[in-house]
Amino acid sequence: MTEVNVEQIRFFRLRGHHLDRFYGLGNVVDLAGACGLQNSPPGSWETGLFNRISNCSIEDLEDLLYRDRTLLQAWSFRGAPFVFPAVESDVFLSSLLPEEGETWIYTQGIGLALDFLSMSFEELLELLLQVVPGLNDEMIVSKASLDQTLAEWMLPLLPAGKRELWKQPSMYGSPDKQTVGGAVVSFLLRPCSLHGLVVFGERRGISPSFTSYKNWTGHSVQFDGDAVKKLTRKYLHCYGPATLDSFVNWLGCSRKQGKRLWNSVAEEIEPVTVSGKKAFILTADKKQLLNPPPPQRDLLLLGAQAPFSTSATGLSCSRTNPCISKYGNLYQTREPSYTAARSSEYGQAGKRKVAWK
């Protein structure tokens, strides 16, 4: 097997994440589509694009998301809100739908409510799927309002003996604001998102708004049948060399589902070794991995939940890792040599003297 070194992997990933240089606003579909931009905490996606685009304003980005709607925000990997190209909705949503015997992403915590109601996950999801198309004619401001509105729409469909239980205070930490029904809906919104039934609309002050995918885009999600492969390729292109376990962690899915997605590109990948450990790359990426052009930027000041700094490879982030050197949210794209003593692994970069090799 081919052995790859730290610098090769670092430069390869920087290029895959479009952090090797600055790009133009016209490249936004490629930038956001590399592996999506997580938007928690709110504003993270704007920071992600500011790190990649040389000249853009918050108004430019809001136009792309709210008016042109080139970009779309919805719950995706790990149950988190992500911003991605609307034309790739099947990749970032539909490809994550579980098949028989696989569990849904970000729904494990619903067990308390299911036990309290003595109802199954499948029963309640089926009822929510019946009412959620009502969002085709609605724009609801705030997540709490969305949860409670959909819970009220579901109420008449519940067995008569479950309706009072449905209206009881939530057991999930906000009993004064949320009912058991609202808590159930909160968990089930992730499956609804993957079905392409609910998306984020325009932010209103401090609160997001929500509507249906169809109401926001004017059409249903278009699924081309190759979305699973495209998603897996995106991961390997951004985070390779990588492993199945790291892929599962990145998606937040069950190992069974992750293995199915991983195997969809089994004929397109090959193993390499990293510090004696086996990991995998796309065969199509091998030439670029072995001979990556050096980045044109030396320092990166990344925001919270930046895709590049997400721990998604199964390879630790230390000074000698195949990823990057990190000090707070300041990243060095090249291995530094120090002319001052290191006080700690994660000290403040501003207090160090660094000379690039």
Protein backbone atom coordinates (compact mmCIF):
# COMPACT_ATOMS: atom_id res chain seq x y z
CA MET A 1 0.00 0.00 0.00
CA THR A 2 1.06 3.57 -0.65
CA GLU A 3 2.25 5.49 2.45
CA VAL A 4 1.18 9.12 2.61
CA ASN A 5 2.65 11.75 4.89
CA VAL A 6 1.36 14.57 7.03
CA GLU A 7 2.00 17.39 4.59
CA GLN A 8 0.40 15.57 1.63
CA ILE A 9 -2.79 14.97 3.58
CA ARG A 10 -2.91 18.47 5.02
CA PHE A 11 -2.53 20.12 1.62
CA PHE A 12 -4.98 17.69 0.00
CA ARG A 13 -7.69 18.40 2.57
CA LEU A 14 -7.18 22.14 2.44
CA ARG A 15 -7.76 21.99 -1.31
CA GLY A 16 -10.79 19.73 -0.91
CA HIS A 17 -12.34 22.21 1.54
CA HIS A 18 -11.42 25.16 -0.70
CA LEU A 19 -9.22 26.67 1.98
CA ASP A 20 -6.04 26.56 -0.09
CA ARG A 21 -6.72 30.02 -1.55
CA PHE A 22 -9.52 32.57 -1.84
CA TYR A 23 -12.28 32.00 -4.38
CA GLY A 24 -14.91 34.22 -6.00
CA LEU A 25 -18.61 34.52 -5.24
CA GLY A 26 -19.32 32.75 -8.52
CA ASN A 27 -17.82 29.57 -7.01
CA VAL A 28 -20.33 29.44 -4.16
CA VAL A 29 -22.07 26.26 -5.33
CA ASP A 30 -18.77 24.39 -5.29
CA LEU A 31 -17.75 25.94 -1.98
CA ALA A 32 -20.98 25.13 -0.13
CA GLY A 33 -21.35 21.82 -1.92
CA ALA A 34 -17.97 20.39 -0.96
CA CYS A 35 -19.42 18.89 2.22
CA GLY A 36 -22.06 21.39 3.32
CA LEU A 37 -21.74 24.20 5.87
CA GLN A 38 -23.06 23.49 9.34
CA ASN A 39 -25.05 26.39 10.76
CA SER A 40 -24.92 25.78 14.48
CA PRO A 41 -24.36 28.06 16.19
CA PRO A 42 -26.33 30.36 13.87
CA GLY A 43 -24.05 32.33 11.57
CA SER A 44 -21.48 29.55 11.19
CA TRP A 45 -22.27 29.12 7.51
CA GLU A 46 -21.59 32.80 6.75
CA THR A 47 -18.26 32.54 8.55
CA GLY A 48 -17.45 29.45 6.51
CA LEU A 49 -18.00 31.28 3.23
CA PHE A 50 -16.19 34.42 4.41
CA ASN A 51 -13.19 32.12 4.92
CA ARG A 52 -13.36 31.03 1.28
CA ILE A 53 -14.58 34.04 -0.72
CA SER A 54 -12.31 37.04 -1.11
CA ASN A 55 -14.92 39.75 -1.53
CA CYS A 56 -18.45 39.23 -0.31
CA SER A 57 -20.84 40.87 2.10
CA ILE A 58 -23.49 39.51 4.43
CA GLU A 59 -26.04 40.90 1.95
CA ASP A 60 -24.49 38.80 -0.84
CA LEU A 61 -24.82 35.65 1.24
CA GLU A 62 -28.36 36.43 2.35
CA ASP A 63 -29.33 36.95 -1.29
CA LEU A 64 -27.99 33.49 -2.12
CA LEU A 65 -29.94 31.85 0.71
CA TYR A 66 -33.12 33.92 0.99
CA ARG A 67 -33.78 35.54 -2.37
CA ASP A 68 -31.99 33.73 -5.22
CA ARG A 69 -32.28 30.54 -3.14
CA THR A 70 -29.22 29.09 -4.80
CA LEU A 71 -28.45 27.80 -1.31
CA LEU A 72 -30.81 26.01 1.06
CA GLN A 73 -30.81 25.35 4.80
CA ALA A 74 -32.24 22.17 6.31
CA TRP A 75 -31.48 19.56 8.99
CA SER A 76 -28.99 17.08 7.57
CA PHE A 77 -25.91 15.21 8.91
CA ARG A 78 -25.93 14.53 12.64
CA GLY A 79 -29.38 16.15 12.80
CA ALA A 80 -27.75 19.58 12.54
CA PRO A 81 -28.83 22.47 10.29
CA PHE A 82 -26.67 22.67 7.16
CA VAL A 83 -26.49 25.11 4.26
CA PHE A 84 -25.86 23.49 0.88
CA PRO A 85 -26.65 24.04 -2.82
CA ALA A 86 -30.38 23.62 -3.49
CA VAL A 87 -29.59 21.63 -6.64
CA GLU A 88 -27.91 19.00 -4.45
CA SER A 89 -30.82 18.54 -2.05
CA ASP A 90 -31.01 14.82 -2.82
CA VAL A 91 -27.36 14.43 -1.77
CA PHE A 92 -27.69 16.31 1.52
CA LEU A 93 -31.20 15.04 2.38
CA SER A 94 -32.59 12.05 0.47
CA SER A 95 -29.35 10.05 0.56
CA LEU A 96 -29.60 9.95 4.37
CA LEU A 97 -32.99 8.21 4.43
CA PRO A 98 -32.53 4.87 6.23
CA GLU A 99 -33.49 1.57 4.70
CA GLU A 100 -35.15 -1.34 6.49
CA GLY A 101 -33.34 -2.25 9.70
CA GLU A 102 -31.49 1.08 9.89
CA THR A 103 -32.25 3.74 12.50
CA TRP A 104 -32.99 7.39 11.84
CA ILE A 105 -30.33 10.02 12.46
CA TYR A 106 -30.74 12.09 15.65
CA THR A 107 -33.79 10.33 17.06
CA GLN A 108 -32.38 8.17 19.87
CA GLY A 109 -33.54 10.56 22.60
CA ILE A 110 -37.21 10.18 21.75
CA GLY A 111 -37.48 7.01 23.87
CA LEU A 112 -38.74 8.78 27.01
CA ALA A 113 -41.69 10.28 25.16
CA LEU A 114 -42.51 7.01 23.38
CA ASP A 115 -42.59 5.17 26.70
CA PHE A 116 -44.80 7.87 28.25
CA LEU A 117 -47.27 7.67 25.35
CA SER A 118 -46.95 3.90 24.86
CA MET A 119 -46.73 4.52 21.13
CA SER A 120 -44.11 3.52 18.58
CA PHE A 121 -41.76 5.74 16.63
CA GLU A 122 -43.31 4.49 13.38
CA GLU A 123 -46.86 5.30 14.48
CA LEU A 124 -46.02 8.87 15.40
CA LEU A 125 -43.87 9.53 12.35
CA GLU A 126 -46.70 8.34 10.11
CA LEU A 127 -49.09 10.81 11.78
CA LEU A 128 -46.62 13.69 11.43
CA LEU A 129 -46.05 12.87 7.76
CA GLN A 130 -49.80 13.23 7.26
CA VAL A 131 -49.94 16.78 8.63
CA VAL A 132 -46.54 18.28 7.75
CA PRO A 133 -47.62 19.07 4.15
CA GLY A 134 -49.67 21.81 5.80
CA LEU A 135 -46.42 23.79 5.77
CA ASN A 136 -46.92 24.22 2.03
CA ASP A 137 -49.11 27.20 2.93
CA GLU A 138 -47.36 28.34 6.11
CA MET A 139 -44.23 30.17 7.24
CA ILE A 140 -43.76 29.60 10.98
CA VAL A 141 -41.33 31.71 12.99
CA SER A 142 -39.24 29.98 15.73
CA LYS A 143 -38.50 26.34 16.33
CA ALA A 144 -40.68 26.24 19.46
CA SER A 145 -43.67 27.51 17.48
CA LEU A 146 -43.02 24.95 14.75
CA ASP A 147 -42.94 22.10 17.27
CA GLN A 148 -46.15 23.15 18.98
CA THR A 149 -48.01 23.98 15.77
CA LEU A 150 -47.34 20.57 14.26
CA ALA A 151 -48.15 18.89 17.59
CA GLU A 152 -51.56 20.62 17.53
CA TRP A 153 -52.14 19.48 13.94
CA MET A 154 -51.39 15.89 14.99
CA LEU A 155 -53.64 15.95 18.06
CA PRO A 156 -56.95 15.02 16.31
CA LEU A 157 -55.24 12.04 14.64
CA LEU A 158 -54.09 10.50 17.92
CA PRO A 159 -56.08 7.75 19.67
CA ALA A 160 -58.54 9.40 22.07
CA GLY A 161 -56.78 7.94 25.10
CA LYS A 162 -53.44 9.54 24.13
CA ARG A 163 -54.56 13.13 23.62
CA GLU A 164 -54.30 14.28 27.25
CA LEU A 165 -50.87 12.66 27.56
CA TRP A 166 -49.83 14.48 24.36
CA LYS A 167 -50.63 17.82 25.99
CA GLN A 168 -48.70 17.16 29.20
CA PRO A 169 -45.51 19.15 29.95
CA SER A 170 -42.37 17.90 28.25
CA MET A 171 -39.89 15.69 30.09
CA TYR A 172 -36.99 17.21 28.11
CA GLY A 173 -36.07 20.30 30.09
CA SER A 174 -38.57 23.02 29.11
CA PRO A 175 -41.90 21.89 30.57
CA ASP A 176 -43.11 25.48 30.76
CA LYS A 177 -42.62 25.97 27.02
CA GLN A 178 -42.92 22.53 25.44
CA THR A 179 -45.46 19.72 25.64
CA VAL A 180 -44.81 16.00 25.23
CA GLY A 181 -46.27 16.33 21.72
CA GLY A 182 -43.96 19.23 20.92
CA ALA A 183 -40.97 17.19 22.09
CA VAL A 184 -42.00 14.27 19.87
CA VAL A 185 -42.30 16.59 16.89
CA SER A 186 -38.89 18.08 17.62
CA PHE A 187 -37.25 14.68 17.21
CA LEU A 188 -39.36 13.70 14.21
CA LEU A 189 -38.57 16.87 12.28
CA ARG A 190 -35.23 15.36 11.29
CA PRO A 191 -36.88 12.50 9.36
CA CYS A 192 -39.27 15.06 7.84
CA SER A 193 -36.29 17.11 6.70
CA LEU A 194 -34.63 14.11 5.06
CA HIS A 195 -37.92 13.42 3.28
CA GLY A 196 -37.73 16.97 1.90
CA LEU A 197 -40.80 18.18 3.78
CA VAL A 198 -39.45 20.97 6.01
CA VAL A 199 -36.69 23.57 5.51
CA PHE A 200 -35.50 26.80 7.08
CA GLY A 201 -36.84 30.02 5.64
CA GLU A 202 -35.55 33.55 6.21
CA ARG A 203 -34.33 34.42 9.69
CA ARG A 204 -36.56 36.88 11.53
CA GLY A 205 -34.47 38.72 14.11
CA ILE A 206 -33.11 36.11 16.49
CA SER A 207 -35.51 33.41 15.30
CA PRO A 208 -35.41 31.15 12.24
CA SER A 209 -38.54 30.59 10.20
CA PHE A 210 -39.72 27.30 8.71
CA THR A 211 -41.81 26.14 5.80
CA SER A 212 -42.02 23.21 3.41
CA TYR A 213 -39.35 22.42 0.83
CA LYS A 214 -41.96 22.77 -1.90
CA ASN A 215 -43.19 26.15 -0.66
CA TRP A 216 -39.62 27.50 -0.45
CA THR A 217 -38.24 26.14 -3.73
CA GLY A 218 -41.40 25.76 -5.84
CA HIS A 219 -40.90 22.02 -6.37
CA SER A 220 -40.26 18.73 -4.60
CA VAL A 221 -36.79 17.27 -4.07
CA GLN A 222 -35.46 15.84 -7.32
CA PHE A 223 -33.76 12.48 -6.68
CA ASP A 224 -31.48 11.17 -9.42
CA GLY A 225 -30.63 7.79 -7.88
CA ASP A 226 -26.90 8.51 -7.55
CA ALA A 227 -27.13 10.67 -4.43
CA VAL A 228 -25.70 8.07 -2.03
CA LYS A 229 -22.54 7.70 -4.10
CA LYS A 230 -22.19 11.45 -4.48
CA LEU A 231 -22.41 11.97 -0.71
CA THR A 232 -19.80 9.32 0.03
CA ARG A 233 -17.47 10.73 -2.62
CA LYS A 234 -17.83 14.20 -1.10
CA TYR A 235 -16.76 12.89 2.28
CA LEU A 236 -13.71 11.06 0.94
CA HIS A 237 -12.69 13.99 -1.23
CA CYS A 238 -12.79 16.38 1.75
CA TYR A 239 -11.62 14.10 4.57
CA GLY A 240 -9.62 11.32 2.94
CA PRO A 241 -7.68 9.31 3.84
CA ALA A 242 -10.50 8.16 6.10
CA THR A 243 -12.18 5.09 7.55
CA LEU A 244 -15.69 3.68 7.75
CA ASP A 245 -15.90 4.52 11.46
CA SER A 246 -14.99 8.16 10.83
CA PHE A 247 -17.59 8.32 8.05
CA VAL A 248 -20.28 6.98 10.39
CA ASN A 249 -19.32 9.57 13.03
CA TRP A 250 -19.45 12.37 10.48
CA LEU A 251 -22.94 11.40 9.35
CA GLY A 252 -24.21 10.63 12.85
CA CYS A 253 -25.90 7.52 11.48
CA SER A 254 -25.94 3.85 12.46
CA ARG A 255 -22.98 1.72 11.46
CA LYS A 256 -25.31 -0.39 9.31
CA GLN A 257 -26.43 2.63 7.30
CA GLY A 258 -22.93 4.06 7.11
CA LYS A 259 -21.56 0.77 5.80
CA ARG A 260 -24.22 0.65 3.08
CA LEU A 261 -23.31 4.15 1.93
CA TRP A 262 -19.58 3.42 2.15
CA ASN A 263 -19.98 0.24 0.09
CA SER A 264 -21.74 2.19 -2.66
CA VAL A 265 -18.29 3.40 -3.78
CA ALA A 266 -16.38 0.22 -2.93
CA GLU A 267 -15.10 -0.06 -6.49
CA GLU A 268 -13.90 3.56 -6.47
CA ILE A 269 -11.68 3.50 -3.36
CA GLU A 270 -8.32 2.04 -2.39
CA PRO A 271 -6.33 1.76 0.85
CA VAL A 272 -3.28 3.78 1.82
CA THR A 273 -1.31 3.85 5.06
CA VAL A 274 -1.02 6.81 7.41
CA SER A 275 1.58 6.39 10.15
CA GLY A 276 1.19 2.64 9.73
CA LYS A 277 -2.61 2.67 9.88
CA LYS A 278 -4.87 1.79 6.98
CA ALA A 279 -7.30 4.36 5.63
CA PHE A 280 -9.06 4.86 2.31
CA ILE A 281 -9.11 7.38 -0.52
CA LEU A 282 -10.92 7.74 -3.80
CA THR A 283 -8.72 6.26 -6.50
CA ALA A 284 -9.52 9.33 -8.61
CA ASP A 285 -7.94 11.50 -5.87
CA LYS A 286 -4.69 9.56 -5.56
CA LYS A 287 -2.63 11.68 -7.94
CA GLN A 288 -3.75 14.90 -6.25
CA LEU A 289 -3.09 13.44 -2.79
CA LEU A 290 0.44 12.37 -3.63
CA ASN A 291 1.34 15.63 -5.40
CA PRO A 292 -0.85 18.35 -3.85
CA PRO A 293 -0.02 21.96 -4.68
CA PRO A 294 0.92 23.91 -1.55
CA PRO A 295 -1.73 26.30 -0.25
CA GLN A 296 -1.50 29.98 -1.03
CA ARG A 297 -2.61 30.88 2.51
CA ASP A 298 -0.54 30.31 5.65
CA LEU A 299 -3.00 31.04 8.45
CA LEU A 300 -6.71 30.30 8.73
CA LEU A 301 -8.96 31.87 11.36
CA LEU A 302 -11.95 29.51 11.27
CA GLY A 303 -15.26 29.78 13.06
CA ALA A 304 -17.22 27.32 15.17
CA GLN A 305 -18.14 24.01 13.49
CA ALA A 306 -15.98 24.79 10.45
CA PRO A 307 -16.15 21.73 8.15
CA PHE A 308 -12.35 21.53 7.96
CA SER A 309 -11.92 21.36 11.74
CA THR A 310 -14.76 18.88 12.31
CA SER A 311 -13.29 15.77 13.92
CA ALA A 312 -14.40 13.42 11.20
CA THR A 313 -11.41 11.40 10.12
CA GLY A 314 -10.56 9.22 13.07
CA LEU A 315 -7.09 10.78 12.98
CA SER A 316 -6.10 12.92 15.94
CA CYS A 317 -5.41 16.65 15.62
CA SER A 318 -1.94 17.08 17.09
CA ARG A 319 1.10 18.89 15.77
CA THR A 320 2.15 15.81 13.81
CA ASN A 321 -1.26 14.77 12.56
CA PRO A 322 -2.35 14.50 8.92
CA CYS A 323 -4.77 17.36 9.45
CA ILE A 324 -3.54 20.75 10.69
CA SER A 325 -1.94 22.45 13.65
CA LYS A 326 -4.52 24.25 15.75
CA TYR A 327 -4.29 26.95 18.40
CA GLY A 328 -7.77 28.00 19.48
CA ASN A 329 -9.48 28.67 16.15
CA LEU A 330 -6.25 29.71 14.40
CA TYR A 331 -4.96 27.07 12.00
CA GLN A 332 -1.54 26.78 10.41
CA THR A 333 -1.58 25.28 6.94
CA ARG A 334 2.15 24.43 7.08
CA GLU A 335 4.18 22.65 9.72
CA PRO A 336 5.89 25.37 11.78
CA SER A 337 9.28 25.39 13.46
CA TYR A 338 9.27 27.23 16.76
CA THR A 339 11.71 29.90 17.86
CA ALA A 340 9.99 30.22 21.24
CA ALA A 341 9.27 27.61 23.88
CA ARG A 342 5.85 25.94 23.64
CA SER A 343 3.82 26.57 26.79
CA SER A 344 1.03 24.16 25.79
CA GLU A 345 -0.30 22.28 22.75
CA TYR A 346 -3.19 24.74 22.43
CA GLY A 347 -1.64 28.06 23.46
CA GLN A 348 -2.45 31.41 21.90
CA ALA A 349 -0.86 31.80 18.51
CA GLY A 350 -0.36 35.51 19.12
CA LYS A 351 2.13 34.71 21.90
CA ARG A 352 4.35 32.57 19.71
CA LYS A 353 7.07 33.33 17.22
CA VAL A 354 6.61 31.02 14.26
CA ALA A 355 8.98 30.54 11.34
CA TRP A 356 7.66 28.61 8.35
CA LYS A 357 9.83 25.75 7.11
